[in-house]
Amino acid sequence: MQQQQNAPPPVPGSPEWVRAQRRHLGITQAVLARVLEVQVITVSRWETGRRRPGRYAVRAIEALVKRNDSRVRKALALKKAAP
C-alpha cells in the first residue's frame, strides 16, 4: 500500500510505520527481530496491528533508520547471514 501524496506520515509505532521503516532499511522481519532481540512473530504482530511495539522498540527502529549508514548496513548484512 503506497501513501497518497497528501496523507500524513504514519505515526511512529503504527503497523504502517513499522513496515515502512523495515522496508526502508531493506531488511526482513527476521532480521529486524534479530537486531531488536525479539521473536519474528512479534515483528509480524507489530506490522499487522495485533500488537504495538513498546517505546524501546520504537526508539531502536528510529535509531536504525537515522544511522542507516554503511556501518549499519554492514552490520545488518552480517545479521542476515548469521544462522
N, C-alpha and C. Protein backbone atom coordinates (compact mmCIF):
# COMPACT_ATOMS: atom_id res chain seq x y z
N MET A 1 0.84 -1.16 0.00
CA MET A 1 0.00 0.00 0.00
C MET A 1 0.90 1.24 0.00
N GLN A 2 0.72 2.11 -0.96
CA GLN A 2 1.51 3.33 -1.04
C GLN A 2 0.73 4.48 -0.44
N GLN A 3 1.48 5.39 0.18
CA GLN A 3 0.84 6.56 0.75
C GLN A 3 0.38 7.51 -0.35
N GLN A 4 -0.76 8.16 -0.10
CA GLN A 4 -1.20 9.19 -1.01
C GLN A 4 -0.33 10.42 -0.76
N GLN A 5 -0.20 11.28 -1.74
CA GLN A 5 0.67 12.42 -1.60
C GLN A 5 0.27 13.35 -0.46
N ASN A 6 -1.01 13.49 -0.18
CA ASN A 6 -1.46 14.39 0.87
C ASN A 6 -1.65 13.69 2.21
N ALA A 7 -1.40 12.40 2.27
CA ALA A 7 -1.59 11.66 3.50
C ALA A 7 -0.48 12.00 4.49
N PRO A 8 -0.83 12.12 5.76
CA PRO A 8 0.21 12.39 6.76
C PRO A 8 1.11 11.16 6.90
N PRO A 9 2.33 11.36 7.38
CA PRO A 9 3.21 10.20 7.57
C PRO A 9 2.65 9.29 8.65
N PRO A 10 2.97 8.01 8.58
CA PRO A 10 2.47 7.09 9.61
C PRO A 10 2.97 7.49 11.00
N VAL A 11 2.17 7.22 11.99
CA VAL A 11 2.51 7.52 13.38
C VAL A 11 3.56 6.50 13.85
N PRO A 12 4.64 6.97 14.48
CA PRO A 12 5.64 6.02 14.98
C PRO A 12 5.00 4.96 15.87
N GLY A 13 5.32 3.72 15.57
CA GLY A 13 4.76 2.59 16.31
C GLY A 13 3.55 1.97 15.66
N SER A 14 2.96 2.67 14.67
CA SER A 14 1.79 2.10 13.98
C SER A 14 2.26 0.98 13.05
N PRO A 15 1.34 0.08 12.69
CA PRO A 15 1.74 -1.00 11.78
C PRO A 15 2.36 -0.49 10.48
N GLU A 16 1.79 0.57 9.92
CA GLU A 16 2.31 1.12 8.67
C GLU A 16 3.72 1.67 8.86
N TRP A 17 3.94 2.29 10.00
CA TRP A 17 5.25 2.88 10.29
C TRP A 17 6.31 1.79 10.43
N VAL A 18 6.00 0.74 11.21
CA VAL A 18 6.97 -0.35 11.41
C VAL A 18 7.33 -0.96 10.07
N ARG A 19 6.33 -1.26 9.25
CA ARG A 19 6.58 -1.88 7.94
C ARG A 19 7.39 -0.94 7.04
N ALA A 20 7.04 0.33 7.04
CA ALA A 20 7.75 1.30 6.18
C ALA A 20 9.21 1.44 6.60
N GLN A 21 9.46 1.48 7.91
CA GLN A 21 10.84 1.62 8.38
C GLN A 21 11.66 0.38 8.04
N ARG A 22 11.06 -0.80 8.22
CA ARG A 22 11.77 -2.04 7.91
C ARG A 22 12.08 -2.12 6.42
N ARG A 23 11.12 -1.75 5.61
CA ARG A 23 11.36 -1.78 4.16
C ARG A 23 12.39 -0.73 3.75
N HIS A 24 12.36 0.43 4.40
CA HIS A 24 13.36 1.47 4.13
C HIS A 24 14.76 0.94 4.41
N LEU A 25 14.90 0.15 5.45
CA LEU A 25 16.19 -0.44 5.79
C LEU A 25 16.55 -1.59 4.85
N GLY A 26 15.55 -2.11 4.15
CA GLY A 26 15.80 -3.20 3.21
C GLY A 26 16.06 -4.52 3.90
N ILE A 27 15.37 -4.76 5.03
CA ILE A 27 15.59 -5.99 5.78
C ILE A 27 14.28 -6.74 5.96
N THR A 28 14.40 -8.01 6.28
CA THR A 28 13.23 -8.85 6.51
C THR A 28 12.75 -8.71 7.95
N GLN A 29 11.58 -9.26 8.20
CA GLN A 29 11.09 -9.30 9.57
C GLN A 29 12.04 -10.07 10.46
N ALA A 30 12.60 -11.15 9.93
CA ALA A 30 13.53 -11.97 10.72
C ALA A 30 14.77 -11.19 11.12
N VAL A 31 15.30 -10.39 10.21
CA VAL A 31 16.49 -9.61 10.53
C VAL A 31 16.16 -8.53 11.55
N LEU A 32 15.04 -7.84 11.37
CA LEU A 32 14.65 -6.82 12.33
C LEU A 32 14.46 -7.45 13.71
N ALA A 33 13.83 -8.61 13.74
CA ALA A 33 13.63 -9.31 15.01
C ALA A 33 14.97 -9.63 15.67
N ARG A 34 15.91 -10.10 14.89
CA ARG A 34 17.22 -10.45 15.44
C ARG A 34 17.92 -9.21 15.96
N VAL A 35 17.87 -8.11 15.21
CA VAL A 35 18.52 -6.87 15.64
C VAL A 35 17.91 -6.36 16.94
N LEU A 36 16.59 -6.44 17.06
CA LEU A 36 15.89 -5.93 18.24
C LEU A 36 15.82 -6.95 19.37
N GLU A 37 16.28 -8.16 19.07
CA GLU A 37 16.27 -9.25 20.05
C GLU A 37 14.85 -9.58 20.51
N VAL A 38 13.96 -9.70 19.51
CA VAL A 38 12.59 -10.15 19.75
C VAL A 38 12.31 -11.30 18.79
N GLN A 39 11.19 -11.95 18.96
CA GLN A 39 10.82 -13.03 18.06
C GLN A 39 10.24 -12.48 16.77
N VAL A 40 10.36 -13.26 15.70
CA VAL A 40 9.83 -12.85 14.40
C VAL A 40 8.33 -12.62 14.49
N ILE A 41 7.63 -13.45 15.23
CA ILE A 41 6.18 -13.29 15.36
C ILE A 41 5.84 -11.94 15.98
N THR A 42 6.72 -11.42 16.83
CA THR A 42 6.49 -10.11 17.45
C THR A 42 6.49 -9.03 16.38
N VAL A 43 7.47 -9.05 15.50
CA VAL A 43 7.54 -8.07 14.41
C VAL A 43 6.32 -8.22 13.51
N SER A 44 5.95 -9.44 13.22
CA SER A 44 4.77 -9.69 12.40
C SER A 44 3.52 -9.10 13.05
N ARG A 45 3.39 -9.28 14.35
CA ARG A 45 2.22 -8.73 15.05
C ARG A 45 2.24 -7.21 15.04
N TRP A 46 3.41 -6.61 15.14
CA TRP A 46 3.51 -5.15 15.05
C TRP A 46 3.00 -4.68 13.70
N GLU A 47 3.42 -5.40 12.64
CA GLU A 47 3.09 -4.98 11.28
C GLU A 47 1.63 -5.25 10.90
N THR A 48 1.00 -6.18 11.60
CA THR A 48 -0.41 -6.46 11.31
C THR A 48 -1.35 -5.73 12.26
N GLY A 49 -0.79 -5.05 13.26
CA GLY A 49 -1.60 -4.30 14.19
C GLY A 49 -2.15 -5.12 15.35
N ARG A 50 -1.73 -6.37 15.46
CA ARG A 50 -2.21 -7.19 16.58
C ARG A 50 -1.55 -6.77 17.89
N ARG A 51 -0.37 -6.18 17.79
CA ARG A 51 0.35 -5.64 18.94
C ARG A 51 1.01 -4.35 18.52
N ARG A 52 1.43 -3.54 19.51
CA ARG A 52 2.17 -2.31 19.22
C ARG A 52 3.53 -2.43 19.86
N PRO A 53 4.56 -1.96 19.17
CA PRO A 53 5.89 -2.01 19.78
C PRO A 53 5.97 -1.05 20.96
N GLY A 54 6.77 -1.42 21.93
CA GLY A 54 6.97 -0.55 23.08
C GLY A 54 7.90 0.61 22.72
N ARG A 55 8.06 1.51 23.68
CA ARG A 55 8.92 2.69 23.45
C ARG A 55 10.34 2.29 23.07
N TYR A 56 10.88 1.27 23.75
CA TYR A 56 12.24 0.83 23.45
C TYR A 56 12.36 0.42 21.99
N ALA A 57 11.42 -0.38 21.52
CA ALA A 57 11.47 -0.87 20.14
C ALA A 57 11.33 0.28 19.15
N VAL A 58 10.41 1.20 19.41
CA VAL A 58 10.21 2.33 18.51
C VAL A 58 11.50 3.16 18.43
N ARG A 59 12.08 3.44 19.59
CA ARG A 59 13.33 4.22 19.60
C ARG A 59 14.46 3.47 18.91
N ALA A 60 14.52 2.17 19.09
CA ALA A 60 15.58 1.38 18.45
C ALA A 60 15.42 1.40 16.92
N ILE A 61 14.18 1.30 16.45
CA ILE A 61 13.94 1.34 15.00
C ILE A 61 14.28 2.73 14.47
N GLU A 62 13.88 3.77 15.19
CA GLU A 62 14.22 5.13 14.77
C GLU A 62 15.74 5.31 14.68
N ALA A 63 16.46 4.76 15.65
CA ALA A 63 17.92 4.87 15.64
C ALA A 63 18.53 4.12 14.46
N LEU A 64 17.98 2.96 14.14
CA LEU A 64 18.48 2.22 12.98
C LEU A 64 18.30 3.02 11.69
N VAL A 65 17.13 3.61 11.55
CA VAL A 65 16.85 4.39 10.34
C VAL A 65 17.72 5.64 10.29
N LYS A 66 17.85 6.31 11.42
CA LYS A 66 18.65 7.54 11.48
C LYS A 66 20.12 7.26 11.16
N ARG A 67 20.62 6.15 11.64
CA ARG A 67 22.03 5.81 11.45
C ARG A 67 22.20 4.83 10.30
N ASN A 68 21.31 4.86 9.34
CA ASN A 68 21.37 3.93 8.21
C ASN A 68 22.52 4.31 7.29
N ASP A 69 23.72 4.21 7.84
CA ASP A 69 24.91 4.48 7.05
C ASP A 69 25.57 3.16 6.70
N SER A 70 26.75 3.21 6.13
CA SER A 70 27.40 1.99 5.66
C SER A 70 27.69 1.02 6.80
N ARG A 71 28.02 1.53 7.99
CA ARG A 71 28.30 0.63 9.12
C ARG A 71 27.05 -0.12 9.55
N VAL A 72 25.93 0.56 9.58
CA VAL A 72 24.69 -0.10 9.96
C VAL A 72 24.29 -1.12 8.91
N ARG A 73 24.38 -0.75 7.64
CA ARG A 73 24.03 -1.69 6.57
C ARG A 73 24.93 -2.92 6.62
N LYS A 74 26.22 -2.72 6.91
CA LYS A 74 27.14 -3.85 7.01
C LYS A 74 26.76 -4.75 8.17
N ALA A 75 26.43 -4.15 9.32
CA ALA A 75 26.02 -4.93 10.49
C ALA A 75 24.74 -5.70 10.20
N LEU A 76 23.79 -5.03 9.54
CA LEU A 76 22.54 -5.71 9.20
C LEU A 76 22.78 -6.85 8.23
N ALA A 77 23.68 -6.66 7.29
CA ALA A 77 24.01 -7.72 6.34
C ALA A 77 24.62 -8.92 7.08
N LEU A 78 25.46 -8.64 8.05
CA LEU A 78 26.05 -9.73 8.84
C LEU A 78 24.99 -10.45 9.63
N LYS A 79 24.03 -9.71 10.16
CA LYS A 79 22.94 -10.35 10.90
C LYS A 79 22.09 -11.19 9.98
N LYS A 80 21.90 -10.74 8.73
CA LYS A 80 21.13 -11.52 7.76
C LYS A 80 21.80 -12.85 7.51
N ALA A 81 23.14 -12.83 7.40
CA ALA A 81 23.89 -14.02 7.06
C ALA A 81 24.03 -14.98 8.23
N ALA A 82 23.90 -14.49 9.45
CA ALA A 82 24.07 -15.34 10.63
C ALA A 82 22.95 -16.38 10.69
N PRO A 83 23.28 -17.58 11.15
CA PRO A 83 22.24 -18.65 11.23
C PRO A 83 21.22 -18.38 12.28
